[in-house]
């Protein structure tokens, strides 16, 4: 993953931001170039759009099943956005992670949490 992020940075698709509170914590944001690329419809999207409604429904059910099996294989540990984690708190000072005992930046509750524990 770290090599992928470095490659995305070299290509100008993402920028790195270190947490002011925990220098070990790094966040990545899409640059304007990255946002433009992400907004493009690619061949896969076009191919899925060409499927019938029934085929799209079958694909959705099949991919959901694959994901569910992988989550079970992973000890039922999924990932998700920070604000949906059982350790996410909102304090008078702002968002807070009770697991790491760290205040969060205003945009961090909308980011994916690798420590995610579903509420």
PDB file of N, CA and C in Angstrom:
ATOM      1  N   UNK A   1       0.828  -1.181   0.000  1.00  0.00           N
ATOM      2  CA  UNK A   1       0.000   0.000   0.000  1.00  0.00           C
ATOM      3  C   UNK A   1       0.880   1.255   0.000  1.00  0.00           C
ATOM      4  N   UNK A   2       1.945   1.231   0.799  1.00  0.00           N
ATOM      5  CA  UNK A   2       2.794   2.428   0.866  1.00  0.00           C
ATOM      6  C   UNK A   2       3.422   2.733  -0.491  1.00  0.00           C
ATOM      7  N   UNK A   3       3.787   1.694  -1.250  1.00  0.00           N
ATOM      8  CA  UNK A   3       4.371   1.918  -2.577  1.00  0.00           C
ATOM      9  C   UNK A   3       3.332   2.484  -3.540  1.00  0.00           C
ATOM     10  N   UNK A   4       2.093   2.044  -3.397  1.00  0.00           N
ATOM     11  CA  UNK A   4       1.012   2.568  -4.234  1.00  0.00           C
ATOM     12  C   UNK A   4       0.801   4.047  -3.946  1.00  0.00           C
ATOM     13  N   UNK A   5       0.765   4.402  -2.673  1.00  0.00           N
ATOM     14  CA  UNK A   5       0.581   5.809  -2.303  1.00  0.00           C
ATOM     15  C   UNK A   5       1.746   6.669  -2.794  1.00  0.00           C
ATOM     16  N   UNK A   6       2.970   6.152  -2.692  1.00  0.00           N
ATOM     17  CA  UNK A   6       4.131   6.893  -3.189  1.00  0.00           C
ATOM     18  C   UNK A   6       4.033   7.116  -4.697  1.00  0.00           C
ATOM     19  N   UNK A   7       3.570   6.084  -5.414  1.00  0.00           N
ATOM     20  CA  UNK A   7       3.415   6.217  -6.865  1.00  0.00           C
ATOM     21  C   UNK A   7       2.341   7.245  -7.196  1.00  0.00           C
ATOM     22  N   UNK A   8       1.247   7.234  -6.455  1.00  0.00           N
ATOM     23  CA  UNK A   8       0.187   8.215  -6.677  1.00  0.00           C
ATOM     24  C   UNK A   8       0.671   9.627  -6.388  1.00  0.00           C
ATOM     25  N   UNK A   9       1.530   9.777  -5.376  1.00  0.00           N
ATOM     26  CA  UNK A   9       2.107  11.089  -5.072  1.00  0.00           C
ATOM     27  C   UNK A   9       3.025  11.539  -6.211  1.00  0.00           C
ATOM     28  N   UNK A  10       3.879  10.635  -6.706  1.00  0.00           N
ATOM     29  CA  UNK A  10       4.796  10.988  -7.805  1.00  0.00           C
ATOM     30  C   UNK A  10       4.028  11.441  -9.042  1.00  0.00           C
ATOM     31  N   UNK A  11       2.873  10.833  -9.273  1.00  0.00           N
ATOM     32  CA  UNK A  11       2.061  11.179 -10.442  1.00  0.00           C
ATOM     33  C   UNK A  11       1.209  12.419 -10.204  1.00  0.00           C
ATOM     34  N   UNK A  12       1.208  12.925  -8.963  1.00  0.00           N
ATOM     35  CA  UNK A  12       0.467  14.139  -8.667  1.00  0.00           C
ATOM     36  C   UNK A  12      -1.004  13.922  -8.380  1.00  0.00           C
ATOM     37  N   UNK A  13      -1.401  12.676  -8.078  1.00  0.00           N
ATOM     38  CA  UNK A  13      -2.808  12.374  -7.822  1.00  0.00           C
ATOM     39  C   UNK A  13      -3.206  12.578  -6.365  1.00  0.00           C
ATOM     40  N   UNK A  14      -2.257  12.433  -5.450  1.00  0.00           N
ATOM     41  CA  UNK A  14      -2.540  12.619  -4.024  1.00  0.00           C
ATOM     42  C   UNK A  14      -1.445  13.459  -3.388  1.00  0.00           C
ATOM     43  N   UNK A  15      -1.792  14.081  -2.267  1.00  0.00           N
ATOM     44  CA  UNK A  15      -0.799  14.796  -1.467  1.00  0.00           C
ATOM     45  C   UNK A  15      -0.821  14.200  -0.062  1.00  0.00           C
ATOM     46  N   UNK A  16       0.308  14.275   0.599  1.00  0.00           N
ATOM     47  CA  UNK A  16       0.475  13.691   1.939  1.00  0.00           C
ATOM     48  C   UNK A  16       0.329  14.782   2.993  1.00  0.00           C
ATOM     49  N   UNK A  17      -0.326  14.425   4.091  1.00  0.00           N
ATOM     50  CA  UNK A  17      -0.475  15.369   5.205  1.00  0.00           C
ATOM     51  C   UNK A  17      -0.244  14.601   6.501  1.00  0.00           C
ATOM     52  N   UNK A  18       0.743  15.031   7.279  1.00  0.00           N
ATOM     53  CA  UNK A  18       1.009  14.404   8.574  1.00  0.00           C
ATOM     54  C   UNK A  18       0.151  15.061   9.642  1.00  0.00           C
ATOM     55  N   UNK A  19      -0.332  14.251  10.569  1.00  0.00           N
ATOM     56  CA  UNK A  19      -1.146  14.763  11.664  1.00  0.00           C
ATOM     57  C   UNK A  19      -0.291  15.648  12.558  1.00  0.00           C
ATOM     58  N   UNK A  20      -0.841  16.769  12.963  1.00  0.00           N
ATOM     59  CA  UNK A  20      -0.149  17.661  13.893  1.00  0.00           C
ATOM     60  C   UNK A  20      -0.084  17.027  15.286  1.00  0.00           C
ATOM     61  N   UNK A  21      -1.039  16.150  15.584  1.00  0.00           N
ATOM     62  CA  UNK A  21      -1.133  15.558  16.918  1.00  0.00           C
ATOM     63  C   UNK A  21      -0.314  14.284  17.059  1.00  0.00           C
ATOM     64  N   UNK A  22      -0.253  13.491  15.985  1.00  0.00           N
ATOM     65  CA  UNK A  22       0.474  12.228  16.016  1.00  0.00           C
ATOM     66  C   UNK A  22       1.257  12.120  14.716  1.00  0.00           C
ATOM     67  N   UNK A  23       2.533  12.435  14.760  1.00  0.00           N
ATOM     68  CA  UNK A  23       3.360  12.502  13.556  1.00  0.00           C
ATOM     69  C   UNK A  23       3.448  11.157  12.829  1.00  0.00           C
ATOM     70  N   UNK A  24       3.072  10.065  13.489  1.00  0.00           N
ATOM     71  CA  UNK A  24       3.061   8.758  12.830  1.00  0.00           C
ATOM     72  C   UNK A  24       1.875   8.619  11.895  1.00  0.00           C
ATOM     73  N   UNK A  25       0.861   9.417  12.117  1.00  0.00           N
ATOM     74  CA  UNK A  25      -0.370   9.337  11.345  1.00  0.00           C
ATOM     75  C   UNK A  25      -0.268  10.207  10.096  1.00  0.00           C
ATOM     76  N   UNK A  26      -0.505   9.592   8.942  1.00  0.00           N
ATOM     77  CA  UNK A  26      -0.427  10.295   7.668  1.00  0.00           C
ATOM     78  C   UNK A  26      -1.777  10.162   6.968  1.00  0.00           C
ATOM     79  N   UNK A  27      -2.268  11.272   6.449  1.00  0.00           N
ATOM     80  CA  UNK A  27      -3.480  11.270   5.644  1.00  0.00           C
ATOM     81  C   UNK A  27      -3.115  11.636   4.223  1.00  0.00           C
ATOM     82  N   UNK A  28      -3.887  11.145   3.293  1.00  0.00           N
ATOM     83  CA  UNK A  28      -3.667  11.452   1.890  1.00  0.00           C
ATOM     84  C   UNK A  28      -4.930  12.089   1.334  1.00  0.00           C
ATOM     85  N   UNK A  29      -4.751  13.157   0.588  1.00  0.00           N
ATOM     86  CA  UNK A  29      -5.867  13.856  -0.034  1.00  0.00           C
ATOM     87  C   UNK A  29      -5.683  13.840  -1.541  1.00  0.00           C
ATOM     88  N   UNK A  30      -6.788  13.722  -2.261  1.00  0.00           N
ATOM     89  CA  UNK A  30      -6.723  13.828  -3.705  1.00  0.00           C
ATOM     90  C   UNK A  30      -6.366  15.254  -4.101  1.00  0.00           C
ATOM     91  N   UNK A  31      -5.497  15.381  -5.059  1.00  0.00           N
ATOM     92  CA  UNK A  31      -5.194  16.690  -5.629  1.00  0.00           C
ATOM     93  C   UNK A  31      -6.271  16.992  -6.671  1.00  0.00           C
ATOM     94  N   UNK A  32      -6.227  18.176  -7.261  1.00  0.00           N
ATOM     95  CA  UNK A  32      -7.197  18.496  -8.311  1.00  0.00           C
ATOM     96  C   UNK A  32      -7.036  17.533  -9.490  1.00  0.00           C
ATOM     97  N   UNK A  33      -5.802  17.135  -9.786  1.00  0.00           N
ATOM     98  CA  UNK A  33      -5.552  16.154 -10.845  1.00  0.00           C
ATOM     99  C   UNK A  33      -6.157  14.809 -10.475  1.00  0.00           C
ATOM    100  N   UNK A  34      -5.991  14.417  -9.219  1.00  0.00           N
ATOM    101  CA  UNK A  34      -6.561  13.150  -8.745  1.00  0.00           C
ATOM    102  C   UNK A  34      -8.075  13.161  -8.763  1.00  0.00           C
ATOM    103  N   UNK A  35      -8.670  14.285  -8.365  1.00  0.00           N
ATOM    104  CA  UNK A  35     -10.136  14.395  -8.391  1.00  0.00           C
ATOM    105  C   UNK A  35     -10.657  14.309  -9.823  1.00  0.00           C
ATOM    106  N   UNK A  36      -9.958  14.949 -10.757  1.00  0.00           N
ATOM    107  CA  UNK A  36     -10.376  14.903 -12.160  1.00  0.00           C
ATOM    108  C   UNK A  36     -10.304  13.471 -12.690  1.00  0.00           C
ATOM    109  N   UNK A  37      -9.239  12.760 -12.339  1.00  0.00           N
ATOM    110  CA  UNK A  37      -9.092  11.377 -12.785  1.00  0.00           C
ATOM    111  C   UNK A  37     -10.176  10.493 -12.172  1.00  0.00           C
ATOM    112  N   UNK A  38     -10.446  10.678 -10.884  1.00  0.00           N
ATOM    113  CA  UNK A  38     -11.461   9.865 -10.202  1.00  0.00           C
ATOM    114  C   UNK A  38     -12.858  10.127 -10.750  1.00  0.00           C
ATOM    115  N   UNK A  39     -13.089  11.320 -11.263  1.00  0.00           N
ATOM    116  CA  UNK A  39     -14.413  11.677 -11.777  1.00  0.00           C
ATOM    117  C   UNK A  39     -14.667  11.113 -13.179  1.00  0.00           C
ATOM    118  N   UNK A  40     -13.609  10.721 -13.858  1.00  0.00           N
ATOM    119  CA  UNK A  40     -13.768  10.174 -15.215  1.00  0.00           C
ATOM    120  C   UNK A  40     -14.448   8.820 -15.168  1.00  0.00           C
ATOM    121  N   UNK A  41     -15.319   8.589 -16.113  1.00  0.00           N
ATOM    122  CA  UNK A  41     -15.907   7.267 -16.243  1.00  0.00           C
ATOM    123  C   UNK A  41     -14.963   6.431 -17.081  1.00  0.00           C
ATOM    124  N   UNK A  42     -14.596   5.289 -16.543  1.00  0.00           N
ATOM    125  CA  UNK A  42     -13.680   4.418 -17.255  1.00  0.00           C
ATOM    126  C   UNK A  42     -14.406   3.303 -17.983  1.00  0.00           C
ATOM    127  N   UNK A  43     -13.620   2.436 -18.573  1.00  0.00           N
ATOM    128  CA  UNK A  43     -14.162   1.318 -19.338  1.00  0.00           C
ATOM    129  C   UNK A  43     -15.026   0.402 -18.474  1.00  0.00           C
ATOM    130  N   UNK A  44     -14.623   0.194 -17.215  1.00  0.00           N
ATOM    131  CA  UNK A  44     -15.392  -0.698 -16.349  1.00  0.00           C
ATOM    132  C   UNK A  44     -16.781  -0.123 -16.084  1.00  0.00           C
ATOM    133  N   UNK A  45     -16.855   1.168 -15.791  1.00  0.00           N
ATOM    134  CA  UNK A  45     -18.149   1.810 -15.552  1.00  0.00           C
ATOM    135  C   UNK A  45     -19.018   1.718 -16.801  1.00  0.00           C
ATOM    136  N   UNK A  46     -18.415   1.978 -17.938  1.00  0.00           N
ATOM    137  CA  UNK A  46     -19.175   1.893 -19.187  1.00  0.00           C
ATOM    138  C   UNK A  46     -19.660   0.470 -19.448  1.00  0.00           C
ATOM    139  N   UNK A  47     -18.836  -0.522 -19.148  1.00  0.00           N
ATOM    140  CA  UNK A  47     -19.233  -1.918 -19.347  1.00  0.00           C
ATOM    141  C   UNK A  47     -20.379  -2.292 -18.406  1.00  0.00           C
ATOM    142  N   UNK A  48     -20.316  -1.838 -17.167  1.00  0.00           N
ATOM    143  CA  UNK A  48     -21.389  -2.127 -16.212  1.00  0.00           C
ATOM    144  C   UNK A  48     -22.674  -1.425 -16.638  1.00  0.00           C
ATOM    145  N   UNK A  49     -22.561  -0.198 -17.100  1.00  0.00           N
ATOM    146  CA  UNK A  49     -23.737   0.532 -17.581  1.00  0.00           C
ATOM    147  C   UNK A  49     -24.400  -0.179 -18.755  1.00  0.00           C
ATOM    148  N   UNK A  50     -23.619  -0.915 -19.541  1.00  0.00           N
ATOM    149  CA  UNK A  50     -24.163  -1.617 -20.709  1.00  0.00           C
ATOM    150  C   UNK A  50     -24.920  -2.888 -20.326  1.00  0.00           C
ATOM    151  N   UNK A  51     -24.764  -3.354 -19.077  1.00  0.00           N
ATOM    152  CA  UNK A  51     -25.471  -4.554 -18.628  1.00  0.00           C
ATOM    153  C   UNK A  51     -26.955  -4.263 -18.449  1.00  0.00           C
ATOM    154  N   UNK A  52     -27.745  -5.302 -18.558  1.00  0.00           N
ATOM    155  CA  UNK A  52     -29.180  -5.146 -18.283  1.00  0.00           C
ATOM    156  C   UNK A  52     -29.361  -4.941 -16.781  1.00  0.00           C
ATOM    157  N   UNK A  53     -30.547  -4.503 -16.384  1.00  0.00           N
ATOM    158  CA  UNK A  53     -30.840  -4.326 -14.958  1.00  0.00           C
ATOM    159  C   UNK A  53     -30.656  -5.631 -14.202  1.00  0.00           C
ATOM    160  N   UNK A  54     -31.098  -6.731 -14.793  1.00  0.00           N
ATOM    161  CA  UNK A  54     -30.968  -8.044 -14.141  1.00  0.00           C
ATOM    162  C   UNK A  54     -29.497  -8.422 -13.977  1.00  0.00           C
ATOM    163  N   UNK A  55     -28.691  -8.155 -15.002  1.00  0.00           N
ATOM    164  CA  UNK A  55     -27.254  -8.467 -14.919  1.00  0.00           C
ATOM    165  C   UNK A  55     -26.565  -7.593 -13.872  1.00  0.00           C
ATOM    166  N   UNK A  56     -26.937  -6.319 -13.815  1.00  0.00           N
ATOM    167  CA  UNK A  56     -26.362  -5.429 -12.806  1.00  0.00           C
ATOM    168  C   UNK A  56     -26.741  -5.887 -11.406  1.00  0.00           C
ATOM    169  N   UNK A  57     -27.971  -6.316 -11.224  1.00  0.00           N
ATOM    170  CA  UNK A  57     -28.425  -6.807  -9.922  1.00  0.00           C
ATOM    171  C   UNK A  57     -27.649  -8.065  -9.523  1.00  0.00           C
ATOM    172  N   UNK A  58     -27.462  -8.982 -10.478  1.00  0.00           N
ATOM    173  CA  UNK A  58     -26.707 -10.203 -10.210  1.00  0.00           C
ATOM    174  C   UNK A  58     -25.256  -9.869  -9.851  1.00  0.00           C
ATOM    175  N   UNK A  59     -24.655  -8.945 -10.574  1.00  0.00           N
ATOM    176  CA  UNK A  59     -23.276  -8.526 -10.292  1.00  0.00           C
ATOM    177  C   UNK A  59     -23.178  -7.935  -8.890  1.00  0.00           C
ATOM    178  N   UNK A  60     -24.135  -7.073  -8.537  1.00  0.00           N
ATOM    179  CA  UNK A  60     -24.156  -6.461  -7.206  1.00  0.00           C
ATOM    180  C   UNK A  60     -24.256  -7.526  -6.116  1.00  0.00           C
ATOM    181  N   UNK A  61     -25.165  -8.472  -6.277  1.00  0.00           N
ATOM    182  CA  UNK A  61     -25.328  -9.544  -5.285  1.00  0.00           C
ATOM    183  C   UNK A  61     -24.071 -10.401  -5.192  1.00  0.00           C
ATOM    184  N   UNK A  62     -23.470 -10.715  -6.346  1.00  0.00           N
ATOM    185  CA  UNK A  62     -22.261 -11.555  -6.359  1.00  0.00           C
ATOM    186  C   UNK A  62     -21.086 -10.860  -5.684  1.00  0.00           C
ATOM    187  N   UNK A  63     -20.876  -9.589  -5.999  1.00  0.00           N
ATOM    188  CA  UNK A  63     -19.767  -8.853  -5.382  1.00  0.00           C
ATOM    189  C   UNK A  63     -20.001  -8.663  -3.882  1.00  0.00           C
ATOM    190  N   UNK A  64     -21.239  -8.445  -3.485  1.00  0.00           N
ATOM    191  CA  UNK A  64     -21.560  -8.334  -2.056  1.00  0.00           C
ATOM    192  C   UNK A  64     -21.248  -9.641  -1.350  1.00  0.00           C
ATOM    193  N   UNK A  65     -21.563 -10.754  -1.981  1.00  0.00           N
ATOM    194  CA  UNK A  65     -21.274 -12.071  -1.401  1.00  0.00           C
ATOM    195  C   UNK A  65     -19.765 -12.288  -1.254  1.00  0.00           C
ATOM    196  N   UNK A  66     -19.014 -11.912  -2.276  1.00  0.00           N
ATOM    197  CA  UNK A  66     -17.550 -12.030  -2.206  1.00  0.00           C
ATOM    198  C   UNK A  66     -17.014 -11.218  -1.032  1.00  0.00           C
ATOM    199  N   UNK A  67     -17.497  -9.990  -0.895  1.00  0.00           N
ATOM    200  CA  UNK A  67     -17.059  -9.123   0.193  1.00  0.00           C
ATOM    201  C   UNK A  67     -17.420  -9.717   1.557  1.00  0.00           C
ATOM    202  N   UNK A  68     -18.633 -10.228   1.695  1.00  0.00           N
ATOM    203  CA  UNK A  68     -19.049 -10.840   2.962  1.00  0.00           C
ATOM    204  C   UNK A  68     -18.168 -12.033   3.320  1.00  0.00           C
ATOM    205  N   UNK A  69     -17.848 -12.880   2.335  1.00  0.00           N
ATOM    206  CA  UNK A  69     -16.972 -14.029   2.583  1.00  0.00           C
ATOM    207  C   UNK A  69     -15.578 -13.578   3.015  1.00  0.00           C
ATOM    208  N   UNK A  70     -15.080 -12.521   2.390  1.00  0.00           N
ATOM    209  CA  UNK A  70     -13.753 -12.021   2.749  1.00  0.00           C
ATOM    210  C   UNK A  70     -13.747 -11.440   4.156  1.00  0.00           C
ATOM    211  N   UNK A  71     -14.812 -10.761   4.532  1.00  0.00           N
ATOM    212  CA  UNK A  71     -14.909 -10.205   5.886  1.00  0.00           C
ATOM    213  C   UNK A  71     -14.920 -11.329   6.911  1.00  0.00           C
ATOM    214  N   UNK A  72     -15.670 -12.391   6.646  1.00  0.00           N
ATOM    215  CA  UNK A  72     -15.694 -13.546   7.556  1.00  0.00           C
ATOM    216  C   UNK A  72     -14.296 -14.168   7.637  1.00  0.00           C
ATOM    217  N   UNK A  73     -13.647 -14.319   6.482  1.00  0.00           N
ATOM    218  CA  UNK A  73     -12.285 -14.872   6.453  1.00  0.00           C
ATOM    219  C   UNK A  73     -11.321 -14.005   7.260  1.00  0.00           C
ATOM    220  N   UNK A  74     -11.593 -12.709   7.314  1.00  0.00           N
ATOM    221  CA  UNK A  74     -10.751 -11.754   8.027  1.00  0.00           C
ATOM    222  C   UNK A  74     -11.161 -11.638   9.496  1.00  0.00           C
ATOM    223  N   UNK A  75     -11.879 -12.619  10.010  1.00  0.00           N
ATOM    224  CA  UNK A  75     -12.299 -12.583  11.408  1.00  0.00           C
ATOM    225  C   UNK A  75     -13.425 -11.592  11.648  1.00  0.00           C
ATOM    226  N   UNK A  76     -14.243 -11.376  10.612  1.00  0.00           N
ATOM    227  CA  UNK A  76     -15.384 -10.463  10.672  1.00  0.00           C
ATOM    228  C   UNK A  76     -14.977  -9.019  10.927  1.00  0.00           C
ATOM    229  N   UNK A  77     -13.739  -8.700  10.627  1.00  0.00           N
ATOM    230  CA  UNK A  77     -13.279  -7.321  10.800  1.00  0.00           C
ATOM    231  C   UNK A  77     -13.371  -6.578   9.476  1.00  0.00           C
ATOM    232  N   UNK A  78     -14.250  -5.616   9.429  1.00  0.00           N
ATOM    233  CA  UNK A  78     -14.419  -4.802   8.229  1.00  0.00           C
ATOM    234  C   UNK A  78     -13.695  -3.477   8.432  1.00  0.00           C
ATOM    235  N   UNK A  79     -13.808  -2.614   7.486  1.00  0.00           N
ATOM    236  CA  UNK A  79     -13.298  -1.262   7.646  1.00  0.00           C
ATOM    237  C   UNK A  79     -14.416  -0.308   7.291  1.00  0.00           C
ATOM    238  N   UNK A  80     -14.250   0.920   7.669  1.00  0.00           N
ATOM    239  CA  UNK A  80     -15.287   1.900   7.366  1.00  0.00           C
ATOM    240  C   UNK A  80     -14.827   3.290   7.731  1.00  0.00           C
ATOM    241  N   UNK A  81     -15.737   4.241   7.629  1.00  0.00           N
ATOM    242  CA  UNK A  81     -15.384   5.611   7.954  1.00  0.00           C
ATOM    243  C   UNK A  81     -15.304   5.788   9.463  1.00  0.00           C
ATOM    244  N   UNK A  82     -14.444   6.678   9.855  1.00  0.00           N
ATOM    245  CA  UNK A  82     -14.152   6.940  11.264  1.00  0.00           C
ATOM    246  C   UNK A  82     -15.414   7.218  12.081  1.00  0.00           C
ATOM    247  N   UNK A  83     -16.296   8.071  11.556  1.00  0.00           N
ATOM    248  CA  UNK A  83     -17.473   8.479  12.336  1.00  0.00           C
ATOM    249  C   UNK A  83     -18.414   7.326  12.640  1.00  0.00           C
ATOM    250  N   UNK A  84     -18.286   6.202  11.897  1.00  0.00           N
ATOM    251  CA  UNK A  84     -19.143   5.037  12.136  1.00  0.00           C
ATOM    252  C   UNK A  84     -18.502   4.041  13.100  1.00  0.00           C
ATOM    253  N   UNK A  85     -17.304   4.334  13.574  1.00  0.00           N
ATOM    254  CA  UNK A  85     -16.578   3.435  14.470  1.00  0.00           C
ATOM    255  C   UNK A  85     -17.096   3.575  15.901  1.00  0.00           C
ATOM    256  N   UNK A  86     -17.076   2.487  16.627  1.00  0.00           N
ATOM    257  CA  UNK A  86     -17.535   2.506  18.011  1.00  0.00           C
ATOM    258  C   UNK A  86     -16.674   3.400  18.899  1.00  0.00           C
ATOM    259  N   UNK A  87     -15.443   3.679  18.474  1.00  0.00           N
ATOM    260  CA  UNK A  87     -14.539   4.514  19.271  1.00  0.00           C
ATOM    261  C   UNK A  87     -14.631   6.002  18.931  1.00  0.00           C
ATOM    262  N   UNK A  88     -15.402   6.343  17.912  1.00  0.00           N
ATOM    263  CA  UNK A  88     -15.539   7.748  17.535  1.00  0.00           C
ATOM    264  C   UNK A  88     -16.382   8.485  18.572  1.00  0.00           C
ATOM    265  N   UNK A  89     -15.906   9.624  18.990  1.00  0.00           N
ATOM    266  CA  UNK A  89     -16.630  10.462  19.945  1.00  0.00           C
ATOM    267  C   UNK A  89     -16.690  11.887  19.406  1.00  0.00           C
ATOM    268  N   UNK A  90     -17.714  12.610  19.810  1.00  0.00           N
ATOM    269  CA  UNK A  90     -17.798  14.036  19.530  1.00  0.00           C
ATOM    270  C   UNK A  90     -17.751  14.729  20.883  1.00  0.00           C
ATOM    271  N   UNK A  91     -16.711  15.522  21.095  1.00  0.00           N
ATOM    272  CA  UNK A  91     -16.538  16.227  22.356  1.00  0.00           C
ATOM    273  C   UNK A  91     -16.756  17.720  22.125  1.00  0.00           C
ATOM    274  N   UNK A  92     -16.748  18.488  23.198  1.00  0.00           N
ATOM    275  CA  UNK A  92     -16.895  19.941  23.035  1.00  0.00           C
ATOM    276  C   UNK A  92     -15.727  20.540  22.260  1.00  0.00           C
ATOM    277  N   UNK A  93     -14.587  19.812  22.228  1.00  0.00           N
ATOM    278  CA  UNK A  93     -13.422  20.275  21.475  1.00  0.00           C
ATOM    279  C   UNK A  93     -13.401  19.752  20.042  1.00  0.00           C
ATOM    280  N   UNK A  94     -14.380  18.913  19.680  1.00  0.00           N
ATOM    281  CA  UNK A  94     -14.433  18.365  18.327  1.00  0.00           C
ATOM    282  C   UNK A  94     -14.363  16.856  18.323  1.00  0.00           C
ATOM    283  N   UNK A  95     -14.139  16.253  17.146  1.00  0.00           N
ATOM    284  CA  UNK A  95     -14.095  14.798  17.049  1.00  0.00           C
ATOM    285  C   UNK A  95     -12.898  14.219  17.799  1.00  0.00           C
ATOM    286  N   UNK A  96     -13.094  12.978  18.302  1.00  0.00           N
ATOM    287  CA  UNK A  96     -12.075  12.361  19.160  1.00  0.00           C
ATOM    288  C   UNK A  96     -12.095  10.850  18.942  1.00  0.00           C
ATOM    289  N   UNK A  97     -10.915  10.225  18.897  1.00  0.00           N
ATOM    290  CA  UNK A  97     -10.800   8.760  18.811  1.00  0.00           C
ATOM    291  C   UNK A  97     -10.489   8.222  20.201  1.00  0.00           C
ATOM    292  N   UNK A  98     -11.460   7.506  20.777  1.00  0.00           N
ATOM    293  CA  UNK A  98     -11.271   6.948  22.117  1.00  0.00           C
ATOM    294  C   UNK A  98     -10.314   5.761  22.107  1.00  0.00           C
ATOM    295  N   UNK A  99     -10.166   5.079  20.966  1.00  0.00           N
ATOM    296  CA  UNK A  99      -9.238   3.953  20.882  1.00  0.00           C
ATOM    297  C   UNK A  99      -7.796   4.434  20.979  1.00  0.00           C
ATOM    298  N   UNK A 100      -7.472   5.463  20.214  1.00  0.00           N
ATOM    299  CA  UNK A 100      -6.102   5.990  20.176  1.00  0.00           C
ATOM    300  C   UNK A 100      -5.884   7.134  21.160  1.00  0.00           C
ATOM    301  N   UNK A 101      -6.964   7.550  21.828  1.00  0.00           N
ATOM    302  CA  UNK A 101      -6.915   8.677  22.769  1.00  0.00           C
ATOM    303  C   UNK A 101      -6.337   9.928  22.108  1.00  0.00           C
ATOM    304  N   UNK A 102      -6.884  10.247  20.932  1.00  0.00           N
ATOM    305  CA  UNK A 102      -6.391  11.387  20.169  1.00  0.00           C
ATOM    306  C   UNK A 102      -7.541  12.238  19.660  1.00  0.00           C
ATOM    307  N   UNK A 103      -7.402  13.563  19.754  1.00  0.00           N
ATOM    308  CA  UNK A 103      -8.370  14.419  19.068  1.00  0.00           C
ATOM    309  C   UNK A 103      -8.168  14.268  17.561  1.00  0.00           C
ATOM    310  N   UNK A 104      -9.232  14.458  16.815  1.00  0.00           N
ATOM    311  CA  UNK A 104      -9.170  14.301  15.369  1.00  0.00           C
ATOM    312  C   UNK A 104      -9.330  15.657  14.687  1.00  0.00           C
ATOM    313  N   UNK A 105      -8.754  15.769  13.507  1.00  0.00           N
ATOM    314  CA  UNK A 105      -8.950  16.963  12.700  1.00  0.00           C
ATOM    315  C   UNK A 105     -10.385  16.958  12.186  1.00  0.00           C
ATOM    316  N   UNK A 106     -10.940  18.124  11.866  1.00  0.00           N
ATOM    317  CA  UNK A 106     -12.351  18.188  11.466  1.00  0.00           C
ATOM    318  C   UNK A 106     -12.748  17.252  10.322  1.00  0.00           C
ATOM    319  N   UNK A 107     -11.846  17.009   9.351  1.00  0.00           N
ATOM    320  CA  UNK A 107     -12.208  16.165   8.210  1.00  0.00           C
ATOM    321  C   UNK A 107     -11.932  14.678   8.436  1.00  0.00           C
ATOM    322  N   UNK A 108     -11.230  14.317   9.499  1.00  0.00           N
ATOM    323  CA  UNK A 108     -10.869  12.921   9.719  1.00  0.00           C
ATOM    324  C   UNK A 108     -12.057  11.988   9.974  1.00  0.00           C
ATOM    325  N   UNK A 109     -13.149  12.427  10.603  1.00  0.00           N
ATOM    326  CA  UNK A 109     -14.275  11.504  10.794  1.00  0.00           C
ATOM    327  C   UNK A 109     -14.886  10.995   9.489  1.00  0.00           C
ATOM    328  N   UNK A 110     -14.626  11.659   8.372  1.00  0.00           N
ATOM    329  CA  UNK A 110     -15.162  11.223   7.080  1.00  0.00           C
ATOM    330  C   UNK A 110     -14.183  10.325   6.331  1.00  0.00           C
ATOM    331  N   UNK A 111     -13.013  10.071   6.906  1.00  0.00           N
ATOM    332  CA  UNK A 111     -12.001   9.257   6.241  1.00  0.00           C
ATOM    333  C   UNK A 111     -12.101   7.807   6.694  1.00  0.00           C
ATOM    334  N   UNK A 112     -11.505   6.922   5.903  1.00  0.00           N
ATOM    335  CA  UNK A 112     -11.501   5.500   6.247  1.00  0.00           C
ATOM    336  C   UNK A 112     -10.588   5.277   7.437  1.00  0.00           C
ATOM    337  N   UNK A 113     -11.083   4.478   8.377  1.00  0.00           N
ATOM    338  CA  UNK A 113     -10.345   4.164   9.604  1.00  0.00           C
ATOM    339  C   UNK A 113      -9.841   2.727   9.523  1.00  0.00           C
ATOM    340  N   UNK A 114      -8.532   2.533   9.598  1.00  0.00           N
ATOM    341  CA  UNK A 114      -8.004   1.168   9.554  1.00  0.00           C
ATOM    342  C   UNK A 114      -8.155   0.438  10.877  1.00  0.00           C
ATOM    343  N   UNK A 115      -8.536   1.147  11.934  1.00  0.00           N
ATOM    344  CA  UNK A 115      -8.782   0.542  13.238  1.00  0.00           C
ATOM    345  C   UNK A 115     -10.274   0.294  13.455  1.00  0.00           C
ATOM    346  N   UNK A 116     -11.058   0.415  12.412  1.00  0.00           N
ATOM    347  CA  UNK A 116     -12.517   0.401  12.472  1.00  0.00           C
ATOM    348  C   UNK A 116     -13.084  -0.759  13.285  1.00  0.00           C
ATOM    349  N   UNK A 117     -13.939  -0.418  14.211  1.00  0.00           N
ATOM    350  CA  UNK A 117     -14.740  -1.397  14.941  1.00  0.00           C
ATOM    351  C   UNK A 117     -16.172  -0.917  14.792  1.00  0.00           C
ATOM    352  N   UNK A 118     -16.977  -1.683  14.085  1.00  0.00           N
ATOM    353  CA  UNK A 118     -18.344  -1.269  13.780  1.00  0.00           C
ATOM    354  C   UNK A 118     -19.136  -1.047  15.064  1.00  0.00           C
ATOM    355  N   UNK A 119     -19.869   0.054  15.076  1.00  0.00           N
ATOM    356  CA  UNK A 119     -20.682   0.402  16.240  1.00  0.00           C
ATOM    357  C   UNK A 119     -21.899  -0.495  16.348  1.00  0.00           C
TER     358      UNK A 119
END
